[in-house]
């Protein structure tokens, strides 16, 4: 692109022509005053200023045309770059190492267009994400709705026995519960994504929090004969350990500063996932510990574990791994991770195929 250096060259050339013309005029006046020319030479010298003036005007005109032409080229290139940015194309380089107003203008325009280009890419990614999310939600809603429609048609058959009718009604209720949970989870996720979910942090005992989270799953655990064990691990900060375990065998009291309702929701989704994949007669362990940096809650199951290829993606929305159940939606773990992250915490997963899974909730302490 044409730079300010070329502008300075053009102006310098014009000034040089002006200086040369001035020198010629001075020399002409000096020689004419001395009378060093004959009549013919004197006549020629008298016409010399006019000739020099014409030459100077021609040079100045050429320099001005050159200057205007290059300025027009700069404006055209700048307009082309702005048009490319407006169409969402990758913009050309506008930066210049030269000093001057034009370089400053190009630099500021480049920054503005680069930011607009990035915002355009972000908008396109959001649109693609929204389209994928709508498609996933439609698919997840279609399955229970189709099943419910089928059950309703079957229930209209008057020839059904009471036992068959009871089975269909039970299946219908299960699909309604699944649909209700799915819609509720999607609404919670949308509130978190939009930043409208309010997190009110209070201090609550971790044992009380875990019992509150596991209470809705008591029936499911009884059906599969799964036992839930809640225990406190030994404090990792030995200097602060003060024999808090009570003599009557109660759990060591340890509290957590968090939003009790949202945190219980996150724990519920993780424990629910463990219940779904833990075989009958298995066990789920909920342990908690504390160190100077964070409070950690660990949920461990005795299920088949998570495949190595699926492990990095289990917190992605609507992701279903290779061993996912037929009723799995792929939204519970994503919701749990979003809740923990909104509280400046971290949710991690550790697993090996065939050796169960381990979910780590880490709530970092506020540094004063």
Protein backbone atom coordinates (compact mmCIF):
# COMPACT_ATOMS: atom_id res chain seq x y z
CA UNK A 1 0.00 0.00 0.00
CA UNK A 2 1.15 3.57 -0.73
CA UNK A 3 2.90 4.97 2.36
CA UNK A 4 3.53 8.41 3.82
CA UNK A 5 7.17 8.10 2.78
CA UNK A 6 6.14 8.38 -0.87
CA UNK A 7 4.12 11.49 -0.05
CA UNK A 8 7.19 13.06 1.49
CA UNK A 9 9.22 12.15 -1.61
CA UNK A 10 6.66 13.87 -3.83
CA UNK A 11 6.74 17.03 -1.72
CA UNK A 12 10.53 16.95 -1.60
CA UNK A 13 10.73 16.74 -5.38
CA UNK A 14 8.42 19.74 -5.73
CA UNK A 15 10.50 21.73 -3.24
CA UNK A 16 13.69 20.77 -5.09
CA UNK A 17 12.26 22.06 -8.36
CA UNK A 18 11.31 25.30 -6.63
CA UNK A 19 14.83 25.72 -5.26
CA UNK A 20 16.36 25.01 -8.69
CA UNK A 21 14.07 27.61 -10.26
CA UNK A 22 15.04 30.15 -7.63
CA UNK A 23 18.75 29.48 -8.26
CA UNK A 24 18.20 29.91 -11.99
CA UNK A 25 16.44 33.23 -11.42
CA UNK A 26 19.28 34.46 -9.20
CA UNK A 27 21.90 33.41 -11.75
CA UNK A 28 19.91 35.03 -14.52
CA UNK A 29 19.69 38.32 -12.66
CA UNK A 30 23.39 38.32 -11.81
CA UNK A 31 24.54 37.60 -15.37
CA UNK A 32 22.11 40.11 -16.86
CA UNK A 33 23.25 42.84 -14.49
CA UNK A 34 26.88 42.30 -15.40
CA UNK A 35 26.14 42.69 -19.11
CA UNK A 36 28.03 39.62 -20.11
CA UNK A 37 25.82 38.87 -23.11
CA UNK A 38 25.49 40.38 -26.54
CA UNK A 39 22.19 41.50 -27.95
CA UNK A 40 21.18 38.05 -29.05
CA UNK A 41 22.30 36.43 -25.79
CA UNK A 42 20.67 39.18 -23.83
CA UNK A 43 17.36 38.55 -25.61
CA UNK A 44 17.68 34.86 -24.84
CA UNK A 45 18.43 35.51 -21.21
CA UNK A 46 15.44 37.80 -20.93
CA UNK A 47 13.21 34.88 -22.04
CA UNK A 48 14.88 32.44 -19.66
CA UNK A 49 12.63 33.27 -16.64
CA UNK A 50 9.52 32.52 -18.63
CA UNK A 51 10.99 29.21 -19.77
CA UNK A 52 12.02 28.32 -16.23
CA UNK A 53 8.58 29.28 -14.95
CA UNK A 54 6.90 27.09 -17.53
CA UNK A 55 9.19 24.18 -16.66
CA UNK A 56 8.50 24.66 -12.97
CA UNK A 57 4.74 24.74 -13.52
CA UNK A 58 4.94 21.59 -15.62
CA UNK A 59 6.99 19.83 -12.95
CA UNK A 60 4.61 20.98 -10.23
CA UNK A 61 1.65 19.80 -12.30
CA UNK A 62 3.25 16.37 -12.84
CA UNK A 63 4.04 16.08 -9.15
CA UNK A 64 0.45 16.99 -8.22
CA UNK A 65 -0.96 14.47 -10.69
CA UNK A 66 1.36 11.82 -9.28
CA UNK A 67 0.33 12.68 -5.73
CA UNK A 68 -3.41 12.63 -6.53
CA UNK A 69 -3.09 9.36 -8.44
CA UNK A 70 -1.39 7.61 -5.55
CA UNK A 71 -3.86 9.03 -3.05
CA UNK A 72 -6.70 7.69 -5.19
CA UNK A 73 -5.04 4.27 -5.23
CA UNK A 74 -4.79 4.33 -1.44
CA UNK A 75 -8.44 5.23 -1.06
CA UNK A 76 -9.45 2.46 -3.50
CA UNK A 77 -7.41 -0.14 -1.61
CA UNK A 78 -8.88 1.05 1.68
CA UNK A 79 -12.42 0.88 0.29
CA UNK A 80 -11.77 -2.64 -1.04
CA UNK A 81 -10.52 -3.74 2.36
CA UNK A 82 -13.58 -2.29 4.11
CA UNK A 83 -15.86 -3.99 1.56
CA UNK A 84 -14.16 -7.35 2.19
CA UNK A 85 -14.61 -6.90 5.93
CA UNK A 86 -18.28 -5.97 5.45
CA UNK A 87 -18.84 -9.19 3.47
CA UNK A 88 -17.23 -11.24 6.24
CA UNK A 89 -14.11 -12.07 4.25
CA UNK A 90 -10.70 -12.15 5.84
CA UNK A 91 -9.40 -8.60 5.77
CA UNK A 92 -6.14 -7.51 4.19
CA UNK A 93 -3.28 -6.08 6.16
CA UNK A 94 -3.63 -2.34 6.72
CA UNK A 95 -0.83 -1.70 9.14
CA UNK A 96 2.08 0.52 8.14
CA UNK A 97 5.42 1.04 9.81
CA UNK A 98 5.60 4.64 8.60
CA UNK A 99 4.55 7.58 10.71
CA UNK A 100 1.83 10.01 9.83
CA UNK A 101 -1.95 10.49 9.89
CA UNK A 102 -2.55 7.95 7.14
CA UNK A 103 -0.73 5.21 9.04
CA UNK A 104 -2.69 6.02 12.20
CA UNK A 105 -5.95 5.88 10.23
CA UNK A 106 -5.03 2.51 8.67
CA UNK A 107 -4.04 1.08 12.05
CA UNK A 108 -7.29 2.11 13.74
CA UNK A 109 -9.39 0.86 10.82
CA UNK A 110 -7.56 -2.48 10.89
CA UNK A 111 -8.26 -2.88 14.61
CA UNK A 112 -11.93 -2.03 14.17
CA UNK A 113 -12.38 -4.38 11.19
CA UNK A 114 -10.50 -7.20 12.92
CA UNK A 115 -12.79 -6.90 15.94
CA UNK A 116 -15.88 -6.88 13.72
CA UNK A 117 -14.58 -9.93 11.87
CA UNK A 118 -14.06 -11.79 15.16
CA UNK A 119 -17.55 -10.83 16.31
CA UNK A 120 -18.93 -12.13 13.03
CA UNK A 121 -17.19 -15.47 13.52
CA UNK A 122 -18.46 -15.64 17.10
CA UNK A 123 -22.00 -14.92 15.89
CA UNK A 124 -21.76 -17.65 13.24
CA UNK A 125 -20.49 -20.14 15.82
CA UNK A 126 -23.34 -19.23 18.15
CA UNK A 127 -25.84 -19.68 15.34
CA UNK A 128 -24.41 -23.11 14.51
CA UNK A 129 -24.42 -24.06 18.20
CA UNK A 130 -28.02 -22.90 18.55
CA UNK A 131 -29.08 -24.91 15.49
CA UNK A 132 -27.35 -28.03 16.85
CA UNK A 133 -28.90 -27.50 20.28
CA UNK A 134 -32.39 -27.12 18.80
CA UNK A 135 -31.89 -30.29 16.75
CA UNK A 136 -30.69 -32.20 19.83
CA UNK A 137 -33.55 -30.93 21.98
CA UNK A 138 -36.08 -31.82 19.29
CA UNK A 139 -34.64 -35.32 19.07
CA UNK A 140 -34.68 -35.77 22.85
CA UNK A 141 -38.27 -34.55 23.10
CA UNK A 142 -39.43 -36.64 20.16
CA UNK A 143 -38.54 -39.97 21.80
CA UNK A 144 -40.72 -39.67 24.94
CA UNK A 145 -43.51 -37.91 23.05
CA UNK A 146 -43.64 -40.72 20.48
CA UNK A 147 -43.71 -43.31 23.25
CA UNK A 148 -46.43 -41.42 25.10
CA UNK A 149 -48.52 -41.18 21.93
CA UNK A 150 -48.18 -44.92 21.38
CA UNK A 151 -49.18 -45.72 24.98
CA UNK A 152 -52.19 -43.43 24.70
CA UNK A 153 -53.38 -45.23 21.55
CA UNK A 154 -52.91 -48.60 23.22
CA UNK A 155 -54.85 -47.50 26.29
CA UNK A 156 -57.82 -46.62 24.08
CA UNK A 157 -58.26 -50.32 23.33
CA UNK A 158 -61.18 -51.47 25.47
CA UNK A 159 -60.09 -55.09 25.16
CA UNK A 160 -57.05 -54.53 27.37
CA UNK A 161 -56.99 -56.32 30.69
CA UNK A 162 -56.49 -54.43 33.91
CA UNK A 163 -52.97 -55.84 34.25
CA UNK A 164 -51.95 -54.70 30.76
CA UNK A 165 -53.54 -51.33 31.33
CA UNK A 166 -51.57 -50.93 34.59
CA UNK A 167 -48.30 -51.77 32.77
CA UNK A 168 -48.98 -49.22 30.02
CA UNK A 169 -49.92 -46.58 32.57
CA UNK A 170 -46.70 -47.20 34.46
CA UNK A 171 -44.67 -46.85 31.26
CA UNK A 172 -46.61 -43.70 30.37
CA UNK A 173 -45.84 -42.20 33.78
CA UNK A 174 -42.17 -43.05 33.38
CA UNK A 175 -42.05 -41.23 30.03
CA UNK A 176 -43.87 -38.23 31.53
CA UNK A 177 -41.35 -38.12 34.39
CA UNK A 178 -38.50 -38.34 31.91
CA UNK A 179 -39.99 -35.54 29.82
CA UNK A 180 -40.51 -33.39 32.90
CA UNK A 181 -36.91 -33.93 34.02
CA UNK A 182 -35.60 -33.14 30.55
CA UNK A 183 -37.56 -29.89 30.23
CA UNK A 184 -36.61 -28.87 33.77
CA UNK A 185 -32.93 -29.53 33.12
CA UNK A 186 -33.01 -27.61 29.85
CA UNK A 187 -34.63 -24.63 31.56
CA UNK A 188 -31.98 -24.69 34.28
CA UNK A 189 -29.21 -24.87 31.69
CA UNK A 190 -30.69 -21.98 29.74
CA UNK A 191 -30.87 -19.86 32.91
CA UNK A 192 -27.24 -20.61 33.69
CA UNK A 193 -26.13 -19.87 30.12
CA UNK A 194 -28.07 -16.60 30.08
CA UNK A 195 -26.61 -15.56 33.43
CA UNK A 196 -30.06 -15.17 35.03
CA UNK A 197 -29.63 -17.99 37.56
CA UNK A 198 -29.08 -16.53 41.04
CA UNK A 199 -26.53 -18.29 43.23
CA UNK A 200 -26.89 -17.42 46.92
CA UNK A 201 -23.96 -18.81 48.84
CA UNK A 202 -24.46 -20.03 52.40
CA UNK A 203 -22.58 -22.29 54.74
CA UNK A 204 -24.00 -25.80 54.96
CA UNK A 205 -22.77 -29.11 56.32
CA UNK A 206 -21.50 -31.41 53.60
CA UNK A 207 -23.17 -34.48 55.14
CA UNK A 208 -26.50 -32.66 55.14
CA UNK A 209 -25.93 -31.54 51.53
CA UNK A 210 -25.16 -35.09 50.34
CA UNK A 211 -28.20 -36.54 52.12
CA UNK A 212 -30.40 -33.86 50.55
CA UNK A 213 -29.01 -34.66 47.08
CA UNK A 214 -29.41 -38.44 47.44
CA UNK A 215 -32.92 -38.38 48.95
CA UNK A 216 -34.84 -38.35 45.60
CA UNK A 217 -32.84 -41.40 44.48
CA UNK A 218 -33.58 -43.55 47.51
CA UNK A 219 -36.28 -45.59 45.73
CA UNK A 220 -34.07 -46.23 42.67
CA UNK A 221 -31.21 -47.38 44.90
CA UNK A 222 -33.52 -49.69 46.87
CA UNK A 223 -34.79 -51.30 43.67
CA UNK A 224 -31.24 -52.09 42.55
CA UNK A 225 -30.05 -52.85 46.11
CA UNK A 226 -27.33 -50.20 45.87
CA UNK A 227 -25.87 -48.94 49.13
CA UNK A 228 -24.73 -45.36 49.56
CA UNK A 229 -21.87 -44.69 51.96
CA UNK A 230 -21.07 -41.14 53.12
CA UNK A 231 -17.81 -40.58 54.93
CA UNK A 232 -15.30 -37.85 55.72
CA UNK A 233 -11.68 -38.26 54.71
CA UNK A 234 -8.78 -37.23 56.92
CA UNK A 235 -7.89 -33.55 56.66
CA UNK A 236 -4.94 -32.90 54.39
CA UNK A 237 -3.77 -29.82 56.34
CA UNK A 238 -2.21 -31.57 59.31
CA UNK A 239 -1.52 -28.30 61.12
CA UNK A 240 -5.23 -27.58 61.40
CA UNK A 241 -6.37 -31.09 62.17
CA UNK A 242 -7.91 -30.97 65.66
CA UNK A 243 -9.59 -34.31 66.31
CA UNK A 244 -13.03 -33.21 65.11
CA UNK A 245 -14.31 -36.77 64.88
CA UNK A 246 -16.77 -37.27 67.69
CA UNK A 247 -16.57 -40.17 70.14
CA UNK A 248 -20.03 -41.52 69.27
CA UNK A 249 -18.90 -42.39 65.73
CA UNK A 250 -20.71 -39.59 63.95
CA UNK A 251 -19.21 -38.21 60.77
CA UNK A 252 -16.61 -35.49 61.10
CA UNK A 253 -18.42 -32.18 60.73
CA UNK A 254 -17.25 -30.23 57.69
CA UNK A 255 -19.08 -27.37 56.01
CA UNK A 256 -19.11 -25.90 52.51
CA UNK A 257 -19.75 -22.32 51.43
CA UNK A 258 -22.01 -22.63 48.38
CA UNK A 259 -25.56 -22.33 47.07
CA UNK A 260 -27.23 -25.33 48.75
CA UNK A 261 -30.06 -25.79 46.24
CA UNK A 262 -27.94 -25.56 43.07
CA UNK A 263 -25.09 -27.62 44.55
CA UNK A 264 -27.54 -30.33 45.65
CA UNK A 265 -28.87 -30.33 42.07
CA UNK A 266 -25.34 -30.89 40.73
CA UNK A 267 -24.67 -33.70 43.22
CA UNK A 268 -28.07 -35.25 42.41
CA UNK A 269 -27.25 -35.45 38.70
CA UNK A 270 -23.88 -37.08 39.32
CA UNK A 271 -25.26 -39.58 41.84
CA UNK A 272 -28.16 -40.31 39.46
CA UNK A 273 -25.62 -41.08 36.74
CA UNK A 274 -23.79 -43.43 39.12
CA UNK A 275 -27.05 -45.19 40.06
CA UNK A 276 -27.91 -45.75 36.40
CA UNK A 277 -24.58 -47.44 35.62
CA UNK A 278 -23.93 -49.27 38.90
CA UNK A 279 -25.07 -52.91 38.72
CA UNK A 280 -27.46 -54.45 41.24
CA UNK A 281 -25.84 -55.00 44.62
CA UNK A 282 -23.18 -52.38 43.91
CA UNK A 283 -22.07 -49.46 46.03
CA UNK A 284 -21.69 -45.69 45.70
CA UNK A 285 -19.33 -43.84 48.00
CA UNK A 286 -19.55 -40.12 48.74
CA UNK A 287 -16.50 -38.87 50.59
CA UNK A 288 -15.31 -35.36 51.33
CA UNK A 289 -12.10 -33.74 52.46
CA UNK A 290 -10.56 -30.32 52.89
CA UNK A 291 -7.17 -28.70 52.33
CA UNK A 292 -5.96 -25.08 52.41
CA UNK A 293 -6.99 -24.54 48.77
CA UNK A 294 -10.39 -26.19 48.35
CA UNK A 295 -13.09 -28.46 49.71
CA UNK A 296 -13.43 -31.66 47.70
CA UNK A 297 -16.40 -34.01 47.40
CA UNK A 298 -15.70 -37.34 45.71
CA UNK A 299 -18.46 -39.56 44.29
CA UNK A 300 -17.30 -43.09 43.40
CA UNK A 301 -19.30 -45.97 41.93
CA UNK A 302 -18.65 -49.62 41.14
CA UNK A 303 -20.01 -49.50 37.59
CA UNK A 304 -18.36 -50.50 34.32
CA UNK A 305 -16.43 -47.25 34.08
CA UNK A 306 -16.13 -44.77 31.23
CA UNK A 307 -14.36 -45.54 28.00
CA UNK A 308 -11.07 -43.69 27.52
CA UNK A 309 -12.32 -42.07 24.29
CA UNK A 310 -15.51 -40.82 25.97
CA UNK A 311 -13.91 -39.43 29.12
CA UNK A 312 -12.86 -36.01 27.69
CA UNK A 313 -16.40 -35.40 26.36
CA UNK A 314 -18.73 -36.54 29.14
CA UNK A 315 -19.47 -32.97 30.29
CA UNK A 316 -20.45 -31.84 26.80
CA UNK A 317 -24.15 -31.16 26.32
CA UNK A 318 -26.12 -34.05 24.74
CA UNK A 319 -23.01 -36.22 24.50
CA UNK A 320 -23.72 -39.93 24.78
CA UNK A 321 -20.85 -42.35 25.15
CA UNK A 322 -20.48 -45.82 23.74
CA UNK A 323 -21.91 -47.45 26.86
CA UNK A 324 -24.76 -44.94 27.34
CA UNK A 325 -28.11 -46.39 28.33
CA UNK A 326 -31.13 -46.19 26.06
CA UNK A 327 -32.76 -43.59 28.35
CA UNK A 328 -29.61 -41.47 28.59
CA UNK A 329 -30.05 -37.90 27.40
CA UNK A 330 -26.53 -36.57 27.91
CA UNK A 331 -27.55 -33.48 29.85
CA UNK A 332 -27.22 -34.35 33.56
CA UNK A 333 -23.42 -34.20 33.80
CA UNK A 334 -23.34 -31.07 31.65
CA UNK A 335 -25.78 -29.37 34.02
CA UNK A 336 -23.73 -30.44 37.04
CA UNK A 337 -20.52 -29.09 35.51
CA UNK A 338 -22.18 -25.76 34.65
CA UNK A 339 -23.48 -25.36 38.21
CA UNK A 340 -20.09 -26.05 39.77
CA UNK A 341 -18.29 -23.78 37.30
CA UNK A 342 -20.67 -20.89 38.04
CA UNK A 343 -19.57 -21.14 41.68
CA UNK A 344 -15.89 -20.86 40.70
CA UNK A 345 -15.49 -24.58 41.27
CA UNK A 346 -14.36 -27.50 39.17
CA UNK A 347 -15.91 -30.86 38.32
CA UNK A 348 -13.53 -33.58 37.19
CA UNK A 349 -14.00 -37.20 36.18
CA UNK A 350 -11.58 -40.10 36.52
CA UNK A 351 -12.32 -43.58 35.24
CA UNK A 352 -10.91 -46.69 33.69
CA UNK A 353 -13.01 -49.10 31.71
CA UNK A 354 -14.20 -51.92 33.97
CA UNK A 355 -13.06 -50.23 37.22
CA UNK A 356 -15.85 -47.78 38.04
CA UNK A 357 -15.94 -43.99 37.87
CA UNK A 358 -14.85 -41.20 40.19
CA UNK A 359 -16.27 -37.67 40.11
CA UNK A 360 -14.45 -34.88 41.97
CA UNK A 361 -16.22 -31.68 43.05
CA UNK A 362 -13.71 -29.00 44.01
CA UNK A 363 -14.94 -25.79 45.59
CA UNK A 364 -12.08 -23.33 45.94
CA UNK A 365 -11.83 -21.17 49.02
CA UNK A 366 -11.97 -17.40 48.76
CA UNK A 367 -8.55 -15.84 49.16
CA UNK A 368 -8.70 -12.80 51.45
